[in-house]
Protein backbone atom coordinates (compact mmCIF):
# COMPACT_ATOMS: atom_id res chain seq x y z
CA MET A 1 78.41 71.30 138.85
CA ALA A 2 81.71 72.55 137.43
CA GLU A 3 81.12 70.54 134.26
CA ILE A 4 77.98 72.57 133.54
CA GLY A 5 79.94 75.82 133.91
CA ILE A 6 82.63 74.60 131.52
CA LEU A 7 79.97 73.49 129.03
CA VAL A 8 78.25 76.89 129.22
CA TYR A 9 81.62 78.59 128.67
CA ILE A 10 82.41 76.46 125.61
CA VAL A 11 78.95 77.01 124.09
CA SER A 12 79.18 80.77 124.64
CA CYS A 13 82.62 80.86 122.98
CA ILE A 14 81.24 78.97 119.97
CA MET A 15 78.30 81.38 119.75
CA ILE A 16 80.66 84.36 119.82
CA LEU A 17 82.76 82.82 117.02
CA VAL A 18 79.65 82.17 114.90
CA ALA A 19 78.48 85.77 115.44
CA ALA A 20 81.93 87.06 114.43
CA VAL A 21 81.81 85.03 111.21
CA PHE A 22 78.35 86.36 110.31
CA LEU A 23 79.47 89.92 111.07
CA ALA A 24 82.57 89.53 108.88
CA ARG A 25 80.48 88.12 106.02
CA TRP A 26 78.03 91.04 106.34
CA ILE A 27 80.87 93.60 106.30
CA LEU A 28 82.38 92.02 103.19
CA ARG A 29 78.98 92.01 101.47
CA VAL A 30 78.46 95.71 102.26
CA ASP A 31 81.96 96.44 100.92
CA LYS A 32 81.07 94.69 97.64
CA ILE A 33 77.86 96.72 97.37
CA VAL A 34 79.76 99.99 97.88
CA LYS A 35 82.33 99.02 95.25
CA GLY A 36 79.47 98.07 92.92
CA ASN A 37 77.86 101.47 93.44
CA ASP A 38 81.15 103.20 92.58
CA ALA A 39 81.35 101.15 89.39
CA ILE A 40 77.81 102.20 88.45
CA ILE A 41 78.66 105.86 89.08
CA GLU A 42 81.73 105.57 86.84
CA LEU A 43 79.66 103.92 84.10
CA LEU A 44 77.06 106.70 84.28
CA ALA A 45 79.84 109.31 84.14
CA GLU A 46 81.22 107.70 80.98
CA LEU A 47 77.74 107.65 79.41
CA ALA A 48 77.23 111.30 80.36
CA LYS A 49 80.57 112.20 78.72
CA LYS A 50 79.48 110.49 75.52
CA ASP A 51 76.17 112.36 75.73
CA GLY A 52 77.95 115.72 75.83
CA VAL A 53 77.54 116.66 79.50
CA GLU A 54 80.19 119.11 80.73
CA SER A 55 83.07 117.76 82.84
CA GLU A 56 82.28 120.05 85.77
CA GLN A 57 78.77 118.66 86.06
CA ILE A 58 80.06 115.09 85.87
CA GLU A 59 82.62 115.76 88.62
CA ARG A 60 79.95 117.37 90.82
CA ILE A 61 77.69 114.35 90.45
CA ARG A 62 80.58 111.92 90.96
CA ASN A 63 81.68 113.71 94.14
CA ARG A 64 78.14 113.82 95.49
CA TYR A 65 77.39 110.12 95.18
CA GLN A 66 80.73 108.35 95.59
CA GLN A 67 81.51 106.82 98.95
CA PRO A 68 84.58 108.13 100.78
CA MET A 69 87.46 105.65 100.73
């Protein structure tokens, strides 16, 4: 009977480790998406500068859409 309890404990530990790995991978993927969004915002700001948009408007847009660090 004790062997079943030990087996259940080992399986539950493995399941927790697998869940932690998936959670870590998801967090890293979300971090990449946020960094990608910041890069897109910077690219759009550069294009707006070349198009003659005023700096104050660019900063307002940049501050509105950038993620806090």
